[in-house]
Amino acid sequence: MKQTRTLVAATVAALLLASGGTLHAKSIVLPPDGVQMTPSNLPGYAKARAECVQCHSAEYMLMQPPTAPRAYWEAMVKRMRDVFKAPVQEADIPALVDYLTKTYGAEKPR
């Protein structure tokens, strides 16, 4: 264990020396989204704006099947949370699913 820490410390020191002793922060400027989330009075709208578009554009919702049922959207939200580590609280899932299903899925008014 001590050898591993020593090796890591030596590697970090070597990288700092190779970079001239300073590290430079990188920044990325993304283009603005071409699509905005569909506004709604549903509670899930505010949650989706706060949580979903932190990681992907609103266009992602439009790429889902327009006939996707509630179970599809629930599975998608849970996948984002469990697999991609989206900051979705368990208590927020029903509101998110309701908004997504009624706005982009099978329960969307025709």
PDB file of N, CA and C in Angstrom:
ATOM      1  N   MET A   1       0.820  -1.179   0.000  1.00  0.00           N
ATOM      2  CA  MET A   1       0.000   0.000   0.000  1.00  0.00           C
ATOM      3  C   MET A   1       0.872   1.253   0.000  1.00  0.00           C
ATOM      4  N   LYS A   2       1.919   1.242   0.831  1.00  0.00           N
ATOM      5  CA  LYS A   2       2.814   2.395   0.900  1.00  0.00           C
ATOM      6  C   LYS A   2       3.541   2.581  -0.427  1.00  0.00           C
ATOM      7  N   GLN A   3       3.900   1.473  -1.073  1.00  0.00           N
ATOM      8  CA  GLN A   3       4.585   1.553  -2.365  1.00  0.00           C
ATOM      9  C   GLN A   3       3.665   2.175  -3.415  1.00  0.00           C
ATOM     10  N   THR A   4       2.386   1.840  -3.359  1.00  0.00           N
ATOM     11  CA  THR A   4       1.433   2.399  -4.309  1.00  0.00           C
ATOM     12  C   THR A   4       1.319   3.903  -4.128  1.00  0.00           C
ATOM     13  N   ARG A   5       1.227   4.364  -2.892  1.00  0.00           N
ATOM     14  CA  ARG A   5       1.151   5.807  -2.630  1.00  0.00           C
ATOM     15  C   ARG A   5       2.412   6.522  -3.102  1.00  0.00           C
ATOM     16  N   THR A   6       3.554   5.902  -2.872  1.00  0.00           N
ATOM     17  CA  THR A   6       4.818   6.490  -3.295  1.00  0.00           C
ATOM     18  C   THR A   6       4.869   6.582  -4.815  1.00  0.00           C
ATOM     19  N   LEU A   7       4.416   5.551  -5.489  1.00  0.00           N
ATOM     20  CA  LEU A   7       4.397   5.542  -6.953  1.00  0.00           C
ATOM     21  C   LEU A   7       3.456   6.617  -7.484  1.00  0.00           C
ATOM     22  N   VAL A   8       2.287   6.763  -6.876  1.00  0.00           N
ATOM     23  CA  VAL A   8       1.336   7.787  -7.301  1.00  0.00           C
ATOM     24  C   VAL A   8       1.930   9.173  -7.080  1.00  0.00           C
ATOM     25  N   ALA A   9       2.527   9.404  -5.924  1.00  0.00           N
ATOM     26  CA  ALA A   9       3.139  10.702  -5.630  1.00  0.00           C
ATOM     27  C   ALA A   9       4.257  11.006  -6.616  1.00  0.00           C
ATOM     28  N   ALA A  10       5.069  10.022  -6.942  1.00  0.00           N
ATOM     29  CA  ALA A  10       6.166  10.218  -7.890  1.00  0.00           C
ATOM     30  C   ALA A  10       5.619  10.530  -9.280  1.00  0.00           C
ATOM     31  N   THR A  11       4.550   9.873  -9.659  1.00  0.00           N
ATOM     32  CA  THR A  11       3.937  10.114 -10.968  1.00  0.00           C
ATOM     33  C   THR A  11       3.377  11.522 -11.051  1.00  0.00           C
ATOM     34  N   VAL A  12       2.676  11.950 -10.006  1.00  0.00           N
ATOM     35  CA  VAL A  12       2.130  13.310  -9.986  1.00  0.00           C
ATOM     36  C   VAL A  12       3.255  14.335 -10.044  1.00  0.00           C
ATOM     37  N   ALA A  13       4.309  14.113  -9.291  1.00  0.00           N
ATOM     38  CA  ALA A  13       5.447  15.032  -9.302  1.00  0.00           C
ATOM     39  C   ALA A  13       6.073  15.096 -10.694  1.00  0.00           C
ATOM     40  N   ALA A  14       6.224  13.959 -11.345  1.00  0.00           N
ATOM     41  CA  ALA A  14       6.807  13.933 -12.686  1.00  0.00           C
ATOM     42  C   ALA A  14       5.920  14.679 -13.681  1.00  0.00           C
ATOM     43  N   LEU A  15       4.616  14.514 -13.563  1.00  0.00           N
ATOM     44  CA  LEU A  15       3.700  15.227 -14.454  1.00  0.00           C
ATOM     45  C   LEU A  15       3.758  16.738 -14.226  1.00  0.00           C
ATOM     46  N   LEU A  16       3.855  17.143 -12.972  1.00  0.00           N
ATOM     47  CA  LEU A  16       3.971  18.571 -12.688  1.00  0.00           C
ATOM     48  C   LEU A  16       5.263  19.151 -13.257  1.00  0.00           C
ATOM     49  N   LEU A  17       6.349  18.424 -13.103  1.00  0.00           N
ATOM     50  CA  LEU A  17       7.623  18.893 -13.651  1.00  0.00           C
ATOM     51  C   LEU A  17       7.566  18.961 -15.171  1.00  0.00           C
ATOM     52  N   ALA A  18       6.956  17.961 -15.792  1.00  0.00           N
ATOM     53  CA  ALA A  18       6.873  17.929 -17.250  1.00  0.00           C
ATOM     54  C   ALA A  18       6.003  19.058 -17.790  1.00  0.00           C
ATOM     55  N   SER A  19       5.042  19.511 -16.990  1.00  0.00           N
ATOM     56  CA  SER A  19       4.162  20.579 -17.454  1.00  0.00           C
ATOM     57  C   SER A  19       4.697  21.958 -17.094  1.00  0.00           C
ATOM     58  N   GLY A  20       5.889  22.000 -16.585  1.00  0.00           N
ATOM     59  CA  GLY A  20       6.463  23.284 -16.198  1.00  0.00           C
ATOM     60  C   GLY A  20       6.078  23.681 -14.785  1.00  0.00           C
ATOM     61  N   GLY A  21       5.522  22.758 -14.050  1.00  0.00           N
ATOM     62  CA  GLY A  21       5.181  23.025 -12.657  1.00  0.00           C
ATOM     63  C   GLY A  21       3.813  23.646 -12.451  1.00  0.00           C
ATOM     64  N   THR A  22       3.107  23.915 -13.538  1.00  0.00           N
ATOM     65  CA  THR A  22       1.777  24.502 -13.389  1.00  0.00           C
ATOM     66  C   THR A  22       0.765  23.691 -14.187  1.00  0.00           C
ATOM     67  N   LEU A  23      -0.417  23.699 -13.717  1.00  0.00           N
ATOM     68  CA  LEU A  23      -1.515  23.066 -14.436  1.00  0.00           C
ATOM     69  C   LEU A  23      -2.434  24.163 -14.930  1.00  0.00           C
ATOM     70  N   HIS A  24      -2.932  24.024 -16.119  1.00  0.00           N
ATOM     71  CA  HIS A  24      -3.806  25.030 -16.707  1.00  0.00           C
ATOM     72  C   HIS A  24      -5.224  24.489 -16.771  1.00  0.00           C
ATOM     73  N   ALA A  25      -6.162  25.280 -16.304  1.00  0.00           N
ATOM     74  CA  ALA A  25      -7.566  24.888 -16.354  1.00  0.00           C
ATOM     75  C   ALA A  25      -8.048  24.944 -17.798  1.00  0.00           C
ATOM     76  N   LYS A  26      -8.805  23.973 -18.166  1.00  0.00           N
ATOM     77  CA  LYS A  26      -9.396  23.940 -19.503  1.00  0.00           C
ATOM     78  C   LYS A  26     -10.862  24.305 -19.375  1.00  0.00           C
ATOM     79  N   SER A  27     -11.363  24.979 -20.356  1.00  0.00           N
ATOM     80  CA  SER A  27     -12.790  25.274 -20.361  1.00  0.00           C
ATOM     81  C   SER A  27     -13.355  24.914 -21.718  1.00  0.00           C
ATOM     82  N   ILE A  28     -14.582  24.497 -21.692  1.00  0.00           N
ATOM     83  CA  ILE A  28     -15.275  24.114 -22.917  1.00  0.00           C
ATOM     84  C   ILE A  28     -16.531  24.970 -23.012  1.00  0.00           C
ATOM     85  N   VAL A  29     -16.745  25.568 -24.145  1.00  0.00           N
ATOM     86  CA  VAL A  29     -17.949  26.351 -24.376  1.00  0.00           C
ATOM     87  C   VAL A  29     -18.805  25.578 -25.371  1.00  0.00           C
ATOM     88  N   LEU A  30     -19.970  25.163 -24.910  1.00  0.00           N
ATOM     89  CA  LEU A  30     -20.883  24.413 -25.761  1.00  0.00           C
ATOM     90  C   LEU A  30     -21.803  25.367 -26.509  1.00  0.00           C
ATOM     91  N   PRO A  31     -22.227  24.979 -27.694  1.00  0.00           N
ATOM     92  CA  PRO A  31     -23.180  25.829 -28.416  1.00  0.00           C
ATOM     93  C   PRO A  31     -24.523  25.815 -27.692  1.00  0.00           C
ATOM     94  N   PRO A  32     -25.328  26.840 -27.894  1.00  0.00           N
ATOM     95  CA  PRO A  32     -26.639  26.847 -27.239  1.00  0.00           C
ATOM     96  C   PRO A  32     -27.510  25.720 -27.786  1.00  0.00           C
ATOM     97  N   ASP A  33     -28.405  25.229 -26.935  1.00  0.00           N
ATOM     98  CA  ASP A  33     -29.329  24.186 -27.375  1.00  0.00           C
ATOM     99  C   ASP A  33     -30.252  24.745 -28.441  1.00  0.00           C
ATOM    100  N   GLY A  34     -30.497  23.960 -29.461  1.00  0.00           N
ATOM    101  CA  GLY A  34     -31.428  24.354 -30.511  1.00  0.00           C
ATOM    102  C   GLY A  34     -32.864  24.082 -30.128  1.00  0.00           C
ATOM    103  N   VAL A  35     -33.058  23.238 -29.126  1.00  0.00           N
ATOM    104  CA  VAL A  35     -34.394  22.859 -28.684  1.00  0.00           C
ATOM    105  C   VAL A  35     -34.489  23.123 -27.184  1.00  0.00           C
ATOM    106  N   GLN A  36     -35.585  23.693 -26.764  1.00  0.00           N
ATOM    107  CA  GLN A  36     -35.835  23.914 -25.342  1.00  0.00           C
ATOM    108  C   GLN A  36     -36.898  22.926 -24.874  1.00  0.00           C
ATOM    109  N   MET A  37     -36.915  22.643 -23.585  1.00  0.00           N
ATOM    110  CA  MET A  37     -37.934  21.751 -23.034  1.00  0.00           C
ATOM    111  C   MET A  37     -39.301  22.405 -23.196  1.00  0.00           C
ATOM    112  N   THR A  38     -40.297  21.579 -23.432  1.00  0.00           N
ATOM    113  CA  THR A  38     -41.661  22.066 -23.583  1.00  0.00           C
ATOM    114  C   THR A  38     -42.178  22.528 -22.224  1.00  0.00           C
ATOM    115  N   PRO A  39     -42.534  23.809 -22.102  1.00  0.00           N
ATOM    116  CA  PRO A  39     -43.019  24.315 -20.817  1.00  0.00           C
ATOM    117  C   PRO A  39     -44.300  23.610 -20.379  1.00  0.00           C
ATOM    118  N   SER A  40     -44.479  23.511 -19.081  1.00  0.00           N
ATOM    119  CA  SER A  40     -45.643  22.838 -18.524  1.00  0.00           C
ATOM    120  C   SER A  40     -45.861  23.301 -17.093  1.00  0.00           C
ATOM    121  N   ASN A  41     -47.103  23.199 -16.640  1.00  0.00           N
ATOM    122  CA  ASN A  41     -47.422  23.474 -15.237  1.00  0.00           C
ATOM    123  C   ASN A  41     -47.206  22.241 -14.370  1.00  0.00           C
ATOM    124  N   LEU A  42     -46.886  21.113 -14.986  1.00  0.00           N
ATOM    125  CA  LEU A  42     -46.640  19.894 -14.221  1.00  0.00           C
ATOM    126  C   LEU A  42     -45.389  20.068 -13.363  1.00  0.00           C
ATOM    127  N   PRO A  43     -45.401  19.548 -12.126  1.00  0.00           N
ATOM    128  CA  PRO A  43     -44.234  19.683 -11.241  1.00  0.00           C
ATOM    129  C   PRO A  43     -42.949  19.096 -11.837  1.00  0.00           C
ATOM    130  N   GLY A  44     -43.075  18.101 -12.663  1.00  0.00           N
ATOM    131  CA  GLY A  44     -41.891  17.479 -13.252  1.00  0.00           C
ATOM    132  C   GLY A  44     -41.139  18.366 -14.213  1.00  0.00           C
ATOM    133  N   TYR A  45     -41.801  19.384 -14.748  1.00  0.00           N
ATOM    134  CA  TYR A  45     -41.141  20.293 -15.684  1.00  0.00           C
ATOM    135  C   TYR A  45     -39.963  20.998 -15.012  1.00  0.00           C
ATOM    136  N   ALA A  46     -40.201  21.572 -13.843  1.00  0.00           N
ATOM    137  CA  ALA A  46     -39.120  22.269 -13.135  1.00  0.00           C
ATOM    138  C   ALA A  46     -38.005  21.294 -12.758  1.00  0.00           C
ATOM    139  N   LYS A  47     -38.373  20.090 -12.364  1.00  0.00           N
ATOM    140  CA  LYS A  47     -37.373  19.085 -12.001  1.00  0.00           C
ATOM    141  C   LYS A  47     -36.566  18.671 -13.228  1.00  0.00           C
ATOM    142  N   ALA A  48     -37.228  18.506 -14.363  1.00  0.00           N
ATOM    143  CA  ALA A  48     -36.528  18.122 -15.595  1.00  0.00           C
ATOM    144  C   ALA A  48     -35.573  19.230 -16.036  1.00  0.00           C
ATOM    145  N   ARG A  49     -36.013  20.475 -15.922  1.00  0.00           N
ATOM    146  CA  ARG A  49     -35.134  21.593 -16.289  1.00  0.00           C
ATOM    147  C   ARG A  49     -33.922  21.653 -15.372  1.00  0.00           C
ATOM    148  N   ALA A  50     -34.105  21.290 -14.114  1.00  0.00           N
ATOM    149  CA  ALA A  50     -33.007  21.355 -13.159  1.00  0.00           C
ATOM    150  C   ALA A  50     -32.080  20.144 -13.256  1.00  0.00           C
ATOM    151  N   GLU A  51     -32.624  18.984 -13.615  1.00  0.00           N
ATOM    152  CA  GLU A  51     -31.835  17.759 -13.541  1.00  0.00           C
ATOM    153  C   GLU A  51     -31.462  17.160 -14.901  1.00  0.00           C
ATOM    154  N   CYS A  52     -32.399  17.085 -15.806  1.00  0.00           N
ATOM    155  CA  CYS A  52     -32.146  16.377 -17.069  1.00  0.00           C
ATOM    156  C   CYS A  52     -31.169  17.108 -17.986  1.00  0.00           C
ATOM    157  N   VAL A  53     -31.391  18.405 -18.155  1.00  0.00           N
ATOM    158  CA  VAL A  53     -30.569  19.132 -19.125  1.00  0.00           C
ATOM    159  C   VAL A  53     -29.213  19.556 -18.568  1.00  0.00           C
ATOM    160  N   GLN A  54     -28.870  19.088 -17.372  1.00  0.00           N
ATOM    161  CA  GLN A  54     -27.506  19.263 -16.883  1.00  0.00           C
ATOM    162  C   GLN A  54     -26.551  18.403 -17.704  1.00  0.00           C
ATOM    163  N   CYS A  55     -27.064  17.264 -18.175  1.00  0.00           N
ATOM    164  CA  CYS A  55     -26.204  16.288 -18.858  1.00  0.00           C
ATOM    165  C   CYS A  55     -26.444  16.194 -20.360  1.00  0.00           C
ATOM    166  N   HIS A  56     -27.647  16.471 -20.802  1.00  0.00           N
ATOM    167  CA  HIS A  56     -27.940  16.370 -22.236  1.00  0.00           C
ATOM    168  C   HIS A  56     -28.937  17.438 -22.632  1.00  0.00           C
ATOM    169  N   SER A  57     -29.024  17.683 -23.913  1.00  0.00           N
ATOM    170  CA  SER A  57     -29.932  18.716 -24.405  1.00  0.00           C
ATOM    171  C   SER A  57     -31.378  18.250 -24.328  1.00  0.00           C
ATOM    172  N   ALA A  58     -32.277  19.205 -24.427  1.00  0.00           N
ATOM    173  CA  ALA A  58     -33.705  18.897 -24.433  1.00  0.00           C
ATOM    174  C   ALA A  58     -34.085  18.111 -25.688  1.00  0.00           C
ATOM    175  N   GLU A  59     -33.267  18.193 -26.700  1.00  0.00           N
ATOM    176  CA  GLU A  59     -33.537  17.463 -27.939  1.00  0.00           C
ATOM    177  C   GLU A  59     -33.575  15.947 -27.710  1.00  0.00           C
ATOM    178  N   TYR A  60     -32.899  15.496 -26.681  1.00  0.00           N
ATOM    179  CA  TYR A  60     -32.872  14.064 -26.368  1.00  0.00           C
ATOM    180  C   TYR A  60     -34.281  13.528 -26.133  1.00  0.00           C
ATOM    181  N   MET A  61     -35.142  14.317 -25.508  1.00  0.00           N
ATOM    182  CA  MET A  61     -36.510  13.874 -25.266  1.00  0.00           C
ATOM    183  C   MET A  61     -37.277  13.699 -26.574  1.00  0.00           C
ATOM    184  N   LEU A  62     -36.997  14.563 -27.536  1.00  0.00           N
ATOM    185  CA  LEU A  62     -37.679  14.473 -28.829  1.00  0.00           C
ATOM    186  C   LEU A  62     -37.210  13.268 -29.643  1.00  0.00           C
ATOM    187  N   MET A  63     -36.062  12.727 -29.292  1.00  0.00           N
ATOM    188  CA  MET A  63     -35.529  11.569 -30.015  1.00  0.00           C
ATOM    189  C   MET A  63     -36.140  10.255 -29.515  1.00  0.00           C
ATOM    190  N   GLN A  64     -36.926  10.316 -28.443  1.00  0.00           N
ATOM    191  CA  GLN A  64     -37.569   9.117 -27.906  1.00  0.00           C
ATOM    192  C   GLN A  64     -38.861   8.846 -28.675  1.00  0.00           C
ATOM    193  N   PRO A  65     -39.330   7.610 -28.668  1.00  0.00           N
ATOM    194  CA  PRO A  65     -40.571   7.291 -29.391  1.00  0.00           C
ATOM    195  C   PRO A  65     -41.748   8.119 -28.863  1.00  0.00           C
ATOM    196  N   PRO A  66     -42.485   8.775 -29.749  1.00  0.00           N
ATOM    197  CA  PRO A  66     -43.608   9.605 -29.290  1.00  0.00           C
ATOM    198  C   PRO A  66     -44.742   8.786 -28.685  1.00  0.00           C
ATOM    199  N   THR A  67     -44.735   7.485 -28.891  1.00  0.00           N
ATOM    200  CA  THR A  67     -45.763   6.618 -28.312  1.00  0.00           C
ATOM    201  C   THR A  67     -45.250   5.899 -27.067  1.00  0.00           C
ATOM    202  N   ALA A  68     -44.093   6.320 -26.550  1.00  0.00           N
ATOM    203  CA  ALA A  68     -43.494   5.660 -25.385  1.00  0.00           C
ATOM    204  C   ALA A  68     -44.437   5.753 -24.179  1.00  0.00           C
ATOM    205  N   PRO A  69     -44.762   4.609 -23.585  1.00  0.00           N
ATOM    206  CA  PRO A  69     -45.662   4.612 -22.430  1.00  0.00           C
ATOM    207  C   PRO A  69     -44.940   5.023 -21.152  1.00  0.00           C
ATOM    208  N   ARG A  70     -45.715   5.187 -20.116  1.00  0.00           N
ATOM    209  CA  ARG A  70     -45.196   5.590 -18.804  1.00  0.00           C
ATOM    210  C   ARG A  70     -44.068   4.671 -18.332  1.00  0.00           C
ATOM    211  N   ALA A  71     -44.207   3.371 -18.524  1.00  0.00           N
ATOM    212  CA  ALA A  71     -43.171   2.419 -18.078  1.00  0.00           C
ATOM    213  C   ALA A  71     -41.844   2.679 -18.794  1.00  0.00           C
ATOM    214  N   TYR A  72     -41.887   3.067 -20.055  1.00  0.00           N
ATOM    215  CA  TYR A  72     -40.679   3.384 -20.814  1.00  0.00           C
ATOM    216  C   TYR A  72     -39.960   4.576 -20.171  1.00  0.00           C
ATOM    217  N   TRP A  73     -40.722   5.644 -19.909  1.00  0.00           N
ATOM    218  CA  TRP A  73     -40.122   6.840 -19.343  1.00  0.00           C
ATOM    219  C   TRP A  73     -39.587   6.584 -17.942  1.00  0.00           C
ATOM    220  N   GLU A  74     -40.295   5.775 -17.156  1.00  0.00           N
ATOM    221  CA  GLU A  74     -39.804   5.453 -15.819  1.00  0.00           C
ATOM    222  C   GLU A  74     -38.484   4.694 -15.901  1.00  0.00           C
ATOM    223  N   ALA A  75     -38.421   3.732 -16.821  1.00  0.00           N
ATOM    224  CA  ALA A  75     -37.179   2.978 -17.009  1.00  0.00           C
ATOM    225  C   ALA A  75     -36.054   3.903 -17.471  1.00  0.00           C
ATOM    226  N   MET A  76     -36.375   4.852 -18.327  1.00  0.00           N
ATOM    227  CA  MET A  76     -35.367   5.785 -18.841  1.00  0.00           C
ATOM    228  C   MET A  76     -34.833   6.679 -17.711  1.00  0.00           C
ATOM    229  N   VAL A  77     -35.715   7.200 -16.882  1.00  0.00           N
ATOM    230  CA  VAL A  77     -35.290   8.062 -15.775  1.00  0.00           C
ATOM    231  C   VAL A  77     -34.418   7.270 -14.795  1.00  0.00           C
ATOM    232  N   LYS A  78     -34.846   6.060 -14.476  1.00  0.00           N
ATOM    233  CA  LYS A  78     -34.068   5.236 -13.551  1.00  0.00           C
ATOM    234  C   LYS A  78     -32.724   4.857 -14.159  1.00  0.00           C
ATOM    235  N   ARG A  79     -32.689   4.635 -15.461  1.00  0.00           N
ATOM    236  CA  ARG A  79     -31.424   4.339 -16.149  1.00  0.00           C
ATOM    237  C   ARG A  79     -30.471   5.525 -16.053  1.00  0.00           C
ATOM    238  N   MET A  80     -31.001   6.721 -16.282  1.00  0.00           N
ATOM    239  CA  MET A  80     -30.168   7.923 -16.185  1.00  0.00           C
ATOM    240  C   MET A  80     -29.589   8.058 -14.779  1.00  0.00           C
ATOM    241  N   ARG A  81     -30.416   7.757 -13.784  1.00  0.00           N
ATOM    242  CA  ARG A  81     -29.952   7.865 -12.395  1.00  0.00           C
ATOM    243  C   ARG A  81     -28.948   6.761 -12.061  1.00  0.00           C
ATOM    244  N   ASP A  82     -29.284   5.523 -12.376  1.00  0.00           N
ATOM    245  CA  ASP A  82     -28.471   4.387 -11.939  1.00  0.00           C
ATOM    246  C   ASP A  82     -27.223   4.164 -12.787  1.00  0.00           C
ATOM    247  N   VAL A  83     -27.351   4.299 -14.091  1.00  0.00           N
ATOM    248  CA  VAL A  83     -26.223   4.024 -14.986  1.00  0.00           C
ATOM    249  C   VAL A  83     -25.360   5.258 -15.201  1.00  0.00           C
ATOM    250  N   PHE A  84     -25.998   6.386 -15.462  1.00  0.00           N
ATOM    251  CA  PHE A  84     -25.251   7.599 -15.789  1.00  0.00           C
ATOM    252  C   PHE A  84     -25.079   8.542 -14.600  1.00  0.00           C
ATOM    253  N   LYS A  85     -25.588   8.134 -13.439  1.00  0.00           N
ATOM    254  CA  LYS A  85     -25.419   8.876 -12.184  1.00  0.00           C
ATOM    255  C   LYS A  85     -26.031  10.276 -12.216  1.00  0.00           C
ATOM    256  N   ALA A  86     -27.164  10.404 -12.897  1.00  0.00           N
ATOM    257  CA  ALA A  86     -27.885  11.680 -12.900  1.00  0.00           C
ATOM    258  C   ALA A  86     -28.349  11.984 -11.477  1.00  0.00           C
ATOM    259  N   PRO A  87     -28.383  13.253 -11.111  1.00  0.00           N
ATOM    260  CA  PRO A  87     -28.735  13.634  -9.738  1.00  0.00           C
ATOM    261  C   PRO A  87     -30.240  13.600  -9.482  1.00  0.00           C
ATOM    262  N   VAL A  88     -30.870  12.473  -9.755  1.00  0.00           N
ATOM    263  CA  VAL A  88     -32.318  12.331  -9.601  1.00  0.00           C
ATOM    264  C   VAL A  88     -32.617  11.630  -8.283  1.00  0.00           C
ATOM    265  N   GLN A  89     -33.432  12.272  -7.471  1.00  0.00           N
ATOM    266  CA  GLN A  89     -33.853  11.685  -6.206  1.00  0.00           C
ATOM    267  C   GLN A  89     -35.024  10.732  -6.456  1.00  0.00           C
ATOM    268  N   GLU A  90     -35.080   9.670  -5.701  1.00  0.00           N
ATOM    269  CA  GLU A  90     -36.163   8.679  -5.837  1.00  0.00           C
ATOM    270  C   GLU A  90     -37.535   9.357  -5.741  1.00  0.00           C
ATOM    271  N   ALA A  91     -37.668  10.299  -4.831  1.00  0.00           N
ATOM    272  CA  ALA A  91     -38.950  10.980  -4.628  1.00  0.00           C
ATOM    273  C   ALA A  91     -39.361  11.830  -5.837  1.00  0.00           C
ATOM    274  N   ASP A  92     -38.411  12.219  -6.683  1.00  0.00           N
ATOM    275  CA  ASP A  92     -38.705  13.057  -7.854  1.00  0.00           C
ATOM    276  C   ASP A  92     -39.102  12.246  -9.083  1.00  0.00           C
ATOM    277  N   ILE A  93     -38.875  10.953  -9.067  1.00  0.00           N
ATOM    278  CA  ILE A  93     -39.125  10.127 -10.254  1.00  0.00           C
ATOM    279  C   ILE A  93     -40.578  10.188 -10.721  1.00  0.00           C
ATOM    280  N   PRO A  94     -41.574  10.028  -9.847  1.00  0.00           N
ATOM    281  CA  PRO A  94     -42.957  10.083 -10.350  1.00  0.00           C
ATOM    282  C   PRO A  94     -43.292  11.386 -11.065  1.00  0.00           C
ATOM    283  N   ALA A  95     -42.849  12.528 -10.541  1.00  0.00           N
ATOM    284  CA  ALA A  95     -43.138  13.816 -11.187  1.00  0.00           C
ATOM    285  C   ALA A  95     -42.417  13.926 -12.531  1.00  0.00           C
ATOM    286  N   LEU A  96     -41.178  13.480 -12.594  1.00  0.00           N
ATOM    287  CA  LEU A  96     -40.433  13.499 -13.856  1.00  0.00           C
ATOM    288  C   LEU A  96     -41.112  12.619 -14.899  1.00  0.00           C
ATOM    289  N   VAL A  97     -41.471  11.416 -14.493  1.00  0.00           N
ATOM    290  CA  VAL A  97     -42.112  10.474 -15.418  1.00  0.00           C
ATOM    291  C   VAL A  97     -43.448  11.033 -15.905  1.00  0.00           C
ATOM    292  N   ASP A  98     -44.203  11.637 -15.008  1.00  0.00           N
ATOM    293  CA  ASP A  98     -45.495  12.214 -15.389  1.00  0.00           C
ATOM    294  C   ASP A  98     -45.298  13.301 -16.437  1.00  0.00           C
ATOM    295  N   TYR A  99     -44.349  14.195 -16.193  1.00  0.00           N
ATOM    296  CA  TYR A  99     -44.066  15.267 -17.161  1.00  0.00           C
ATOM    297  C   TYR A  99     -43.610  14.695 -18.502  1.00  0.00           C
ATOM    298  N   LEU A 100     -42.667  13.781 -18.476  1.00  0.00           N
ATOM    299  CA  LEU A 100     -42.124  13.227 -19.723  1.00  0.00           C
ATOM    300  C   LEU A 100     -43.183  12.459 -20.511  1.00  0.00           C
ATOM    301  N   THR A 101     -43.997  11.680 -19.828  1.00  0.00           N
ATOM    302  CA  THR A 101     -45.030  10.889 -20.509  1.00  0.00           C
ATOM    303  C   THR A 101     -46.101  11.788 -21.123  1.00  0.00           C
ATOM    304  N   LYS A 102     -46.514  12.807 -20.370  1.00  0.00           N
ATOM    305  CA  LYS A 102     -47.583  13.688 -20.844  1.00  0.00           C
ATOM    306  C   LYS A 102     -47.092  14.736 -21.845  1.00  0.00           C
ATOM    307  N   THR A 103     -45.796  14.964 -21.888  1.00  0.00           N
ATOM    308  CA  THR A 103     -45.258  15.997 -22.774  1.00  0.00           C
ATOM    309  C   THR A 103     -44.610  15.404 -24.032  1.00  0.00           C
ATOM    310  N   TYR A 104     -43.952  14.272 -23.877  1.00  0.00           N
ATOM    311  CA  TYR A 104     -43.203  13.699 -25.006  1.00  0.00           C
ATOM    312  C   TYR A 104     -43.638  12.278 -25.363  1.00  0.00           C
ATOM    313  N   GLY A 105     -44.468  11.663 -24.548  1.00  0.00           N
ATOM    314  CA  GLY A 105     -44.795  10.259 -24.741  1.00  0.00           C
ATOM    315  C   GLY A 105     -46.235   9.968 -25.094  1.00  0.00           C
ATOM    316  N   ALA A 106     -46.655   8.783 -24.720  1.00  0.00           N
ATOM    317  CA  ALA A 106     -47.960   8.238 -25.109  1.00  0.00           C
ATOM    318  C   ALA A 106     -49.151   9.033 -24.577  1.00  0.00           C
ATOM    319  N   GLU A 107     -48.951   9.789 -23.493  1.00  0.00           N
ATOM    320  CA  GLU A 107     -50.078  10.531 -22.921  1.00  0.00           C
ATOM    321  C   GLU A 107     -50.109  11.993 -23.376  1.00  0.00           C
ATOM    322  N   LYS A 108     -49.308  12.303 -24.381  1.00  0.00           N
ATOM    323  CA  LYS A 108     -49.277  13.664 -24.930  1.00  0.00           C
ATOM    324  C   LYS A 108     -50.610  13.936 -25.623  1.00  0.00           C
ATOM    325  N   PRO A 109     -51.225  15.087 -25.357  1.00  0.00           N
ATOM    326  CA  PRO A 109     -52.478  15.427 -26.064  1.00  0.00           C
ATOM    327  C   PRO A 109     -52.224  15.493 -27.567  1.00  0.00           C
ATOM    328  N   ARG A 110     -53.127  14.948 -28.312  1.00  0.00           N
ATOM    329  CA  ARG A 110     -52.979  14.927 -29.787  1.00  0.00           C
ATOM    330  C   ARG A 110     -53.676  16.083 -30.428  1.00  0.00           C
TER     331      ARG A 110
END
